[in-house]
Amino acid sequence: MSDSTQHELGFPGSRRSNLRLRRGIYLLPSLMTVANMVCGFYAVMSTLKGEISDLDNAAKAIGFAIVFDSFDGFVARATGTSSEFGKQFDSLADMVSFGVAPAILAFSWGVRGILPSELVDIRRIHEIGWWVALAFAVSCAWRLARFNIQGMAPGGGSRYFVGLPCPAAAGLLVACVHAIKVPIADWRWSIMWMVVVLIAAALMASTVRFRSFKDLPLARRQRSVLIVPIAVLVPLIFFFSEVTLMLIASCYVVIGMVLHVLRMFRHRSVSHPA
């Protein structure tokens, strides 16, 4: 008797096989989440070594964590295997990969290696950098907790996030590290770097809406012309990852802020007509 016949007749063996398949499907997004966490842990361990190549490897590991984080959500939605456990597990992994790991990397790359100067107290800058890194990690935790409770932007469906997504904030920092590579040695640049980290932290805790791209119909048939930008973007990332990833991360943040300002002005003009 065939498997399809067993399924139609309702044999117990067919039910057990379907149950095993369903359990296996639920493991797929969880495996992606585990890979995300492994990349975050590897980034922390590489950062502790302190060498230029190790810091760059840490930035790359966080970049791969962003890829795995994107795929676990896509797999869960595509297979209909979203669950409350997966949601919480994903948040814990994101806290490691996009909260703790980027914060440690930001401090090690941009603050810890500055050279002594007669103009400033290096120890005081180190203390400030420690608090800045902590602010980034706390903002990431705040952002993840708020997303778990409130979800996407009210009225925006699945099109917008409330606040800068944690992977995007981490991506902005690691893109800078990957592009420049050599750690900051001048205290002036270190202060500017801490300002960038604080801006990323503030955007995560803000109510600025950023596009999620979850509404794109990736599973549907698309126009063949879309293969052209994909064919151009993939080689650019592969051969010129430093510049390309830096532009992508910066443009995503800047465009989101600009659109937020435009929405504010439009809202005011509608609320207070001439």
C-alpha atoms as a PDB file:
ATOM      1  CA  MET A   1       0.000   0.000   0.000  1.00  0.00           C
ATOM      2  CA  SER A   2       1.425   3.405  -0.949  1.00  0.00           C
ATOM      3  CA  ASP A   3       2.089   6.229   1.475  1.00  0.00           C
ATOM      4  CA  SER A   4      -0.582   8.376  -0.168  1.00  0.00           C
ATOM      5  CA  THR A   5      -3.144   5.581   0.295  1.00  0.00           C
ATOM      6  CA  GLN A   6      -2.144   5.232   3.945  1.00  0.00           C
ATOM      7  CA  HIS A   7      -2.585   8.958   4.379  1.00  0.00           C
ATOM      8  CA  GLU A   8      -6.041   8.891   2.799  1.00  0.00           C
ATOM      9  CA  LEU A   9      -7.158   5.944   4.933  1.00  0.00           C
ATOM     10  CA  GLY A  10      -5.761   7.569   8.094  1.00  0.00           C
ATOM     11  CA  PHE A  11      -3.299   4.877   9.124  1.00  0.00           C
ATOM     12  CA  PRO A  12      -1.292   5.639  12.292  1.00  0.00           C
ATOM     13  CA  GLY A  13       2.005   5.220  10.454  1.00  0.00           C
ATOM     14  CA  SER A  14       1.191   8.075   8.097  1.00  0.00           C
ATOM     15  CA  ARG A  15       0.241  10.290  11.032  1.00  0.00           C
ATOM     16  CA  ARG A  16       3.550   9.551  12.759  1.00  0.00           C
ATOM     17  CA  SER A  17       5.517  10.386   9.608  1.00  0.00           C
ATOM     18  CA  ASN A  18       3.631  13.663   9.187  1.00  0.00           C
ATOM     19  CA  LEU A  19       4.305  14.508  12.829  1.00  0.00           C
ATOM     20  CA  ARG A  20       8.022  13.843  12.390  1.00  0.00           C
ATOM     21  CA  LEU A  21       8.046  16.017   9.273  1.00  0.00           C
ATOM     22  CA  ARG A  22       6.276  18.813  11.108  1.00  0.00           C
ATOM     23  CA  ARG A  23       8.769  18.660  13.957  1.00  0.00           C
ATOM     24  CA  GLY A  24      11.630  18.687  11.473  1.00  0.00           C
ATOM     25  CA  ILE A  25      10.285  21.781   9.781  1.00  0.00           C
ATOM     26  CA  TYR A  26      10.160  23.599  13.120  1.00  0.00           C
ATOM     27  CA  LEU A  27      13.842  22.867  13.543  1.00  0.00           C
ATOM     28  CA  LEU A  28      14.799  24.740  10.374  1.00  0.00           C
ATOM     29  CA  PRO A  29      14.343  28.314  11.693  1.00  0.00           C
ATOM     30  CA  SER A  30      15.836  27.258  15.041  1.00  0.00           C
ATOM     31  CA  LEU A  31      18.980  26.019  13.304  1.00  0.00           C
ATOM     32  CA  MET A  32      19.280  29.384  11.591  1.00  0.00           C
ATOM     33  CA  THR A  33      18.931  31.063  14.978  1.00  0.00           C
ATOM     34  CA  VAL A  34      21.648  28.820  16.452  1.00  0.00           C
ATOM     35  CA  ALA A  35      23.943  29.753  13.557  1.00  0.00           C
ATOM     36  CA  ASN A  36      23.177  33.407  14.285  1.00  0.00           C
ATOM     37  CA  MET A  37      24.185  32.962  17.928  1.00  0.00           C
ATOM     38  CA  VAL A  38      27.340  31.033  17.021  1.00  0.00           C
ATOM     39  CA  CYS A  39      28.437  33.931  14.797  1.00  0.00           C
ATOM     40  CA  GLY A  40      27.825  36.393  17.621  1.00  0.00           C
ATOM     41  CA  PHE A  41      29.807  34.305  20.095  1.00  0.00           C
ATOM     42  CA  TYR A  42      32.649  33.930  17.592  1.00  0.00           C
ATOM     43  CA  ALA A  43      32.643  37.712  17.100  1.00  0.00           C
ATOM     44  CA  VAL A  44      33.061  38.268  20.842  1.00  0.00           C
ATOM     45  CA  MET A  45      35.918  35.790  21.107  1.00  0.00           C
ATOM     46  CA  SER A  46      37.692  37.260  18.061  1.00  0.00           C
ATOM     47  CA  THR A  47      37.314  40.783  19.437  1.00  0.00           C
ATOM     48  CA  LEU A  48      39.003  39.759  22.691  1.00  0.00           C
ATOM     49  CA  LYS A  49      42.134  38.810  20.746  1.00  0.00           C
ATOM     50  CA  GLY A  50      42.523  42.426  19.681  1.00  0.00           C
ATOM     51  CA  GLU A  51      44.487  42.028  16.451  1.00  0.00           C
ATOM     52  CA  ILE A  52      43.428  43.890  13.293  1.00  0.00           C
ATOM     53  CA  SER A  53      42.606  40.671  11.467  1.00  0.00           C
ATOM     54  CA  ASP A  54      40.661  39.400  14.470  1.00  0.00           C
ATOM     55  CA  LEU A  55      38.585  42.577  14.649  1.00  0.00           C
ATOM     56  CA  ASP A  56      37.823  42.313  10.941  1.00  0.00           C
ATOM     57  CA  ASN A  57      36.852  38.658  11.395  1.00  0.00           C
ATOM     58  CA  ALA A  58      34.538  39.707  14.216  1.00  0.00           C
ATOM     59  CA  ALA A  59      32.879  42.252  11.921  1.00  0.00           C
ATOM     60  CA  LYS A  60      32.449  39.589   9.233  1.00  0.00           C
ATOM     61  CA  ALA A  61      30.964  37.155  11.744  1.00  0.00           C
ATOM     62  CA  ILE A  62      28.339  39.711  12.766  1.00  0.00           C
ATOM     63  CA  GLY A  63      27.629  40.254   9.075  1.00  0.00           C
ATOM     64  CA  PHE A  64      26.975  36.529   8.652  1.00  0.00           C
ATOM     65  CA  ALA A  65      24.777  36.657  11.759  1.00  0.00           C
ATOM     66  CA  ILE A  66      22.647  39.277   9.985  1.00  0.00           C
ATOM     67  CA  VAL A  67      22.250  36.902   7.036  1.00  0.00           C
ATOM     68  CA  PHE A  68      21.221  33.998   9.270  1.00  0.00           C
ATOM     69  CA  ASP A  69      18.819  36.243  11.185  1.00  0.00           C
ATOM     70  CA  SER A  70      17.135  37.228   7.925  1.00  0.00           C
ATOM     71  CA  PHE A  71      16.837  33.641   6.785  1.00  0.00           C
ATOM     72  CA  ASP A  72      15.335  32.268   9.995  1.00  0.00           C
ATOM     73  CA  GLY A  73      12.427  34.679   9.754  1.00  0.00           C
ATOM     74  CA  PHE A  74      11.983  34.003   6.056  1.00  0.00           C
ATOM     75  CA  VAL A  75      12.031  30.227   6.587  1.00  0.00           C
ATOM     76  CA  ALA A  76       9.555  30.465   9.480  1.00  0.00           C
ATOM     77  CA  ARG A  77       7.117  32.542   7.431  1.00  0.00           C
ATOM     78  CA  ALA A  78       7.518  30.454   4.272  1.00  0.00           C
ATOM     79  CA  THR A  79       6.953  27.137   6.061  1.00  0.00           C
ATOM     80  CA  GLY A  80       4.356  28.404   8.525  1.00  0.00           C
ATOM     81  CA  THR A  81       6.480  27.343  11.503  1.00  0.00           C
ATOM     82  CA  SER A  82       6.446  30.536  13.542  1.00  0.00           C
ATOM     83  CA  SER A  83       6.101  29.905  17.263  1.00  0.00           C
ATOM     84  CA  GLU A  84       6.383  31.789  20.532  1.00  0.00           C
ATOM     85  CA  PHE A  85       9.450  29.734  21.466  1.00  0.00           C
ATOM     86  CA  GLY A  86      11.150  30.624  18.186  1.00  0.00           C
ATOM     87  CA  LYS A  87      10.323  34.277  18.712  1.00  0.00           C
ATOM     88  CA  GLN A  88      11.923  34.383  22.153  1.00  0.00           C
ATOM     89  CA  PHE A  89      14.880  32.239  21.096  1.00  0.00           C
ATOM     90  CA  ASP A  90      15.535  34.549  18.164  1.00  0.00           C
ATOM     91  CA  SER A  91      15.506  37.577  20.457  1.00  0.00           C
ATOM     92  CA  LEU A  92      18.071  36.010  22.781  1.00  0.00           C
ATOM     93  CA  ALA A  93      20.322  35.196  19.836  1.00  0.00           C
ATOM     94  CA  ASP A  94      19.910  38.728  18.495  1.00  0.00           C
ATOM     95  CA  MET A  95      20.952  40.146  21.863  1.00  0.00           C
ATOM     96  CA  VAL A  96      24.225  38.230  21.621  1.00  0.00           C
ATOM     97  CA  SER A  97      24.947  38.935  17.949  1.00  0.00           C
ATOM     98  CA  PHE A  98      23.567  42.475  17.583  1.00  0.00           C
ATOM     99  CA  GLY A  99      23.785  43.827  21.109  1.00  0.00           C
ATOM    100  CA  VAL A 100      26.728  42.430  23.067  1.00  0.00           C
ATOM    101  CA  ALA A 101      29.080  41.548  20.199  1.00  0.00           C
ATOM    102  CA  PRO A 102      28.865  44.923  18.347  1.00  0.00           C
ATOM    103  CA  ALA A 103      29.169  46.830  21.626  1.00  0.00           C
ATOM    104  CA  ILE A 104      32.378  45.017  22.562  1.00  0.00           C
ATOM    105  CA  LEU A 105      33.708  45.380  19.019  1.00  0.00           C
ATOM    106  CA  ALA A 106      32.876  49.100  18.954  1.00  0.00           C
ATOM    107  CA  PHE A 107      34.797  49.689  22.182  1.00  0.00           C
ATOM    108  CA  SER A 108      37.784  47.550  21.218  1.00  0.00           C
ATOM    109  CA  TRP A 109      38.105  49.022  17.727  1.00  0.00           C
ATOM    110  CA  GLY A 110      37.267  52.653  18.399  1.00  0.00           C
ATOM    111  CA  VAL A 111      38.264  53.405  21.991  1.00  0.00           C
ATOM    112  CA  ARG A 112      40.639  50.912  23.557  1.00  0.00           C
ATOM    113  CA  GLY A 113      43.591  51.539  21.223  1.00  0.00           C
ATOM    114  CA  ILE A 114      43.801  55.349  21.318  1.00  0.00           C
ATOM    115  CA  LEU A 115      47.260  56.755  21.947  1.00  0.00           C
ATOM    116  CA  PRO A 116      48.158  58.865  25.010  1.00  0.00           C
ATOM    117  CA  SER A 117      47.775  62.619  24.651  1.00  0.00           C
ATOM    118  CA  GLU A 118      48.647  65.637  26.761  1.00  0.00           C
ATOM    119  CA  LEU A 119      45.303  67.271  25.924  1.00  0.00           C
ATOM    120  CA  VAL A 120      42.972  64.671  27.357  1.00  0.00           C
ATOM    121  CA  ASP A 121      42.869  61.956  29.980  1.00  0.00           C
ATOM    122  CA  ILE A 122      42.840  58.650  28.106  1.00  0.00           C
ATOM    123  CA  ARG A 123      41.376  56.837  31.080  1.00  0.00           C
ATOM    124  CA  ARG A 124      38.388  59.191  31.077  1.00  0.00           C
ATOM    125  CA  ILE A 125      37.782  58.501  27.379  1.00  0.00           C
ATOM    126  CA  HIS A 126      37.944  54.781  28.098  1.00  0.00           C
ATOM    127  CA  GLU A 127      35.319  55.215  30.801  1.00  0.00           C
ATOM    128  CA  ILE A 128      33.071  57.157  28.428  1.00  0.00           C
ATOM    129  CA  GLY A 129      33.558  54.510  25.764  1.00  0.00           C
ATOM    130  CA  TRP A 130      32.550  51.824  28.254  1.00  0.00           C
ATOM    131  CA  TRP A 131      29.286  53.621  28.977  1.00  0.00           C
ATOM    132  CA  VAL A 132      28.647  54.234  25.283  1.00  0.00           C
ATOM    133  CA  ALA A 133      29.061  50.527  24.544  1.00  0.00           C
ATOM    134  CA  LEU A 134      26.716  49.719  27.416  1.00  0.00           C
ATOM    135  CA  ALA A 135      24.156  52.187  26.062  1.00  0.00           C
ATOM    136  CA  PHE A 136      24.238  50.402  22.708  1.00  0.00           C
ATOM    137  CA  ALA A 137      23.687  46.983  24.307  1.00  0.00           C
ATOM    138  CA  VAL A 138      20.864  48.274  26.521  1.00  0.00           C
ATOM    139  CA  SER A 139      19.197  49.982  23.551  1.00  0.00           C
ATOM    140  CA  CYS A 140      19.356  46.720  21.634  1.00  0.00           C
ATOM    141  CA  ALA A 141      17.646  44.882  24.511  1.00  0.00           C
ATOM    142  CA  TRP A 142      15.039  47.649  24.710  1.00  0.00           C
ATOM    143  CA  ARG A 143      14.393  47.419  20.980  1.00  0.00           C
ATOM    144  CA  LEU A 144      14.006  43.632  21.042  1.00  0.00           C
ATOM    145  CA  ALA A 145      11.643  43.700  24.034  1.00  0.00           C
ATOM    146  CA  ARG A 146       9.490  46.385  22.445  1.00  0.00           C
ATOM    147  CA  PHE A 147       9.298  44.471  19.175  1.00  0.00           C
ATOM    148  CA  ASN A 148       8.240  41.282  20.982  1.00  0.00           C
ATOM    149  CA  ILE A 149       5.393  43.176  22.647  1.00  0.00           C
ATOM    150  CA  GLN A 150       4.289  45.690  20.005  1.00  0.00           C
ATOM    151  CA  GLY A 151       5.426  44.053  16.778  1.00  0.00           C
ATOM    152  CA  MET A 152       5.720  46.120  13.621  1.00  0.00           C
ATOM    153  CA  ALA A 153       4.813  49.798  13.220  1.00  0.00           C
ATOM    154  CA  PRO A 154       1.116  50.467  14.016  1.00  0.00           C
ATOM    155  CA  GLY A 155      -0.774  50.969  10.787  1.00  0.00           C
ATOM    156  CA  GLY A 156       2.227  49.940   8.735  1.00  0.00           C
ATOM    157  CA  GLY A 157       1.443  46.235   8.575  1.00  0.00           C
ATOM    158  CA  SER A 158       4.661  44.364   7.913  1.00  0.00           C
ATOM    159  CA  ARG A 159       6.201  47.204   5.919  1.00  0.00           C
ATOM    160  CA  TYR A 160       7.874  49.156   8.720  1.00  0.00           C
ATOM    161  CA  PHE A 161       9.815  48.655  11.936  1.00  0.00           C
ATOM    162  CA  VAL A 162       9.457  50.974  14.926  1.00  0.00           C
ATOM    163  CA  GLY A 163      13.004  52.115  15.559  1.00  0.00           C
ATOM    164  CA  LEU A 164      16.150  51.054  13.785  1.00  0.00           C
ATOM    165  CA  PRO A 165      16.296  47.235  13.675  1.00  0.00           C
ATOM    166  CA  CYS A 166      19.077  45.761  15.791  1.00  0.00           C
ATOM    167  CA  PRO A 167      20.717  43.988  12.808  1.00  0.00           C
ATOM    168  CA  ALA A 168      20.802  47.274  10.889  1.00  0.00           C
ATOM    169  CA  ALA A 169      22.345  49.145  13.843  1.00  0.00           C
ATOM    170  CA  ALA A 170      24.951  46.436  14.281  1.00  0.00           C
ATOM    171  CA  GLY A 171      25.494  46.369  10.514  1.00  0.00           C
ATOM    172  CA  LEU A 172      26.267  50.078  10.509  1.00  0.00           C
ATOM    173  CA  LEU A 173      29.005  49.655  13.108  1.00  0.00           C
ATOM    174  CA  VAL A 174      30.579  46.520  11.657  1.00  0.00           C
ATOM    175  CA  ALA A 175      30.504  48.017   8.160  1.00  0.00           C
ATOM    176  CA  CYS A 176      32.687  50.855   9.455  1.00  0.00           C
ATOM    177  CA  VAL A 177      35.075  48.405  11.108  1.00  0.00           C
ATOM    178  CA  HIS A 178      35.251  46.239   7.999  1.00  0.00           C
ATOM    179  CA  ALA A 179      35.789  49.232   5.702  1.00  0.00           C
ATOM    180  CA  ILE A 180      38.524  50.963   7.725  1.00  0.00           C
ATOM    181  CA  LYS A 181      39.999  47.903   9.492  1.00  0.00           C
ATOM    182  CA  VAL A 182      42.818  49.756  11.320  1.00  0.00           C
ATOM    183  CA  PRO A 183      41.638  50.580  14.871  1.00  0.00           C
ATOM    184  CA  ILE A 184      41.241  54.221  15.847  1.00  0.00           C
ATOM    185  CA  ALA A 185      44.310  55.711  17.539  1.00  0.00           C
ATOM    186  CA  ASP A 186      43.422  59.430  17.703  1.00  0.00           C
ATOM    187  CA  TRP A 187      41.167  60.495  20.567  1.00  0.00           C
ATOM    188  CA  ARG A 188      39.343  62.989  18.313  1.00  0.00           C
ATOM    189  CA  TRP A 189      38.258  60.253  15.931  1.00  0.00           C
ATOM    190  CA  SER A 190      37.403  58.127  18.933  1.00  0.00           C
ATOM    191  CA  ILE A 191      34.944  60.745  20.147  1.00  0.00           C
ATOM    192  CA  MET A 192      33.368  60.955  16.695  1.00  0.00           C
ATOM    193  CA  TRP A 193      33.079  57.172  16.663  1.00  0.00           C
ATOM    194  CA  MET A 194      31.320  57.176  20.029  1.00  0.00           C
ATOM    195  CA  VAL A 195      28.862  59.725  18.641  1.00  0.00           C
ATOM    196  CA  VAL A 196      28.076  57.331  15.771  1.00  0.00           C
ATOM    197  CA  VAL A 197      27.533  54.502  18.250  1.00  0.00           C
ATOM    198  CA  LEU A 198      25.228  56.693  20.344  1.00  0.00           C
ATOM    199  CA  ILE A 199      23.231  57.713  17.263  1.00  0.00           C
ATOM    200  CA  ALA A 200      22.744  54.063  16.342  1.00  0.00           C
ATOM    201  CA  ALA A 201      21.672  53.304  19.924  1.00  0.00           C
ATOM    202  CA  ALA A 202      19.250  56.245  19.989  1.00  0.00           C
ATOM    203  CA  LEU A 203      17.690  55.210  16.680  1.00  0.00           C
ATOM    204  CA  MET A 204      17.056  51.708  18.020  1.00  0.00           C
ATOM    205  CA  ALA A 205      15.154  53.145  20.981  1.00  0.00           C
ATOM    206  CA  SER A 206      13.380  55.778  18.876  1.00  0.00           C
ATOM    207  CA  THR A 207      10.000  55.654  17.129  1.00  0.00           C
ATOM    208  CA  VAL A 208      11.461  56.385  13.708  1.00  0.00           C
ATOM    209  CA  ARG A 209       9.997  53.979  11.149  1.00  0.00           C
ATOM    210  CA  PHE A 210      12.357  52.012   8.932  1.00  0.00           C
ATOM    211  CA  ARG A 211      11.344  49.882   5.984  1.00  0.00           C
ATOM    212  CA  SER A 212      11.286  46.145   6.743  1.00  0.00           C
ATOM    213  CA  PHE A 213      11.018  44.751   3.175  1.00  0.00           C
ATOM    214  CA  LYS A 214       8.941  41.887   4.606  1.00  0.00           C
ATOM    215  CA  ASP A 215       6.071  42.822   2.295  1.00  0.00           C
ATOM    216  CA  LEU A 216       8.082  42.066  -0.834  1.00  0.00           C
ATOM    217  CA  PRO A 217       6.516  39.091  -2.655  1.00  0.00           C
ATOM    218  CA  LEU A 218       9.712  37.056  -2.872  1.00  0.00           C
ATOM    219  CA  ALA A 219       7.817  33.794  -3.300  1.00  0.00           C
ATOM    220  CA  ARG A 220       5.903  35.058  -6.333  1.00  0.00           C
ATOM    221  CA  ARG A 221       7.030  35.228  -9.900  1.00  0.00           C
ATOM    222  CA  GLN A 222       8.941  38.449 -10.578  1.00  0.00           C
ATOM    223  CA  ARG A 223      10.036  40.297 -13.669  1.00  0.00           C
ATOM    224  CA  SER A 224      13.142  38.916 -15.276  1.00  0.00           C
ATOM    225  CA  VAL A 225      14.744  42.372 -15.286  1.00  0.00           C
ATOM    226  CA  LEU A 226      15.215  42.103 -11.492  1.00  0.00           C
ATOM    227  CA  ILE A 227      18.055  39.673 -12.092  1.00  0.00           C
ATOM    228  CA  VAL A 228      20.144  42.591 -13.381  1.00  0.00           C
ATOM    229  CA  PRO A 229      20.544  44.507 -10.068  1.00  0.00           C
ATOM    230  CA  ILE A 230      21.067  41.207  -8.246  1.00  0.00           C
ATOM    231  CA  ALA A 231      23.753  40.185 -10.715  1.00  0.00           C
ATOM    232  CA  VAL A 232      25.461  43.546 -10.168  1.00  0.00           C
ATOM    233  CA  LEU A 233      25.112  43.686  -6.391  1.00  0.00           C
ATOM    234  CA  VAL A 234      26.476  40.214  -5.610  1.00  0.00           C
ATOM    235  CA  PRO A 235      29.865  40.752  -7.338  1.00  0.00           C
ATOM    236  CA  LEU A 236      30.136  44.204  -5.755  1.00  0.00           C
ATOM    237  CA  ILE A 237      29.702  42.714  -2.284  1.00  0.00           C
ATOM    238  CA  PHE A 238      32.120  39.895  -3.063  1.00  0.00           C
ATOM    239  CA  PHE A 239      34.942  41.970  -4.589  1.00  0.00           C
ATOM    240  CA  PHE A 240      34.349  45.384  -2.979  1.00  0.00           C
ATOM    241  CA  SER A 241      32.679  44.439   0.278  1.00  0.00           C
ATOM    242  CA  GLU A 242      34.222  47.309   2.253  1.00  0.00           C
ATOM    243  CA  VAL A 243      32.709  50.107   0.186  1.00  0.00           C
ATOM    244  CA  THR A 244      29.519  48.314  -0.852  1.00  0.00           C
ATOM    245  CA  LEU A 245      28.445  47.224   2.630  1.00  0.00           C
ATOM    246  CA  MET A 246      29.299  50.639   4.034  1.00  0.00           C
ATOM    247  CA  LEU A 247      27.077  52.327   1.435  1.00  0.00           C
ATOM    248  CA  ILE A 248      24.220  49.893   1.991  1.00  0.00           C
ATOM    249  CA  ALA A 249      24.260  50.301   5.781  1.00  0.00           C
ATOM    250  CA  SER A 250      24.628  54.088   5.661  1.00  0.00           C
ATOM    251  CA  CYS A 251      21.959  54.573   2.994  1.00  0.00           C
ATOM    252  CA  TYR A 252      19.443  52.455   4.908  1.00  0.00           C
ATOM    253  CA  VAL A 253      19.881  54.555   8.054  1.00  0.00           C
ATOM    254  CA  VAL A 254      20.008  57.937   6.292  1.00  0.00           C
ATOM    255  CA  ILE A 255      17.026  57.235   4.029  1.00  0.00           C
ATOM    256  CA  GLY A 256      14.948  56.130   7.004  1.00  0.00           C
ATOM    257  CA  MET A 257      15.772  59.331   8.903  1.00  0.00           C
ATOM    258  CA  VAL A 258      15.060  61.542   5.874  1.00  0.00           C
ATOM    259  CA  LEU A 259      11.695  59.889   5.241  1.00  0.00           C
ATOM    260  CA  HIS A 260      10.826  60.329   8.922  1.00  0.00           C
ATOM    261  CA  VAL A 261      11.534  64.063   8.718  1.00  0.00           C
ATOM    262  CA  LEU A 262       9.441  64.349   5.533  1.00  0.00           C
ATOM    263  CA  ARG A 263       6.547  62.539   7.209  1.00  0.00           C
ATOM    264  CA  MET A 264       6.753  64.942  10.156  1.00  0.00           C
ATOM    265  CA  PHE A 265       6.552  67.995   7.894  1.00  0.00           C
ATOM    266  CA  ARG A 266       3.687  66.482   5.902  1.00  0.00           C
ATOM    267  CA  HIS A 267       1.813  65.658   9.097  1.00  0.00           C
ATOM    268  CA  ARG A 268       2.222  69.224  10.346  1.00  0.00           C
ATOM    269  CA  SER A 269       1.054  70.685   7.046  1.00  0.00           C
ATOM    270  CA  VAL A 270      -2.081  68.508   7.151  1.00  0.00           C
ATOM    271  CA  SER A 271      -2.773  69.268  10.832  1.00  0.00           C
ATOM    272  CA  HIS A 272      -2.230  73.011  10.422  1.00  0.00           C
ATOM    273  CA  PRO A 273      -3.379  74.042   6.926  1.00  0.00           C
ATOM    274  CA  ALA A 274      -2.678  77.553   5.762  1.00  0.00           C
END
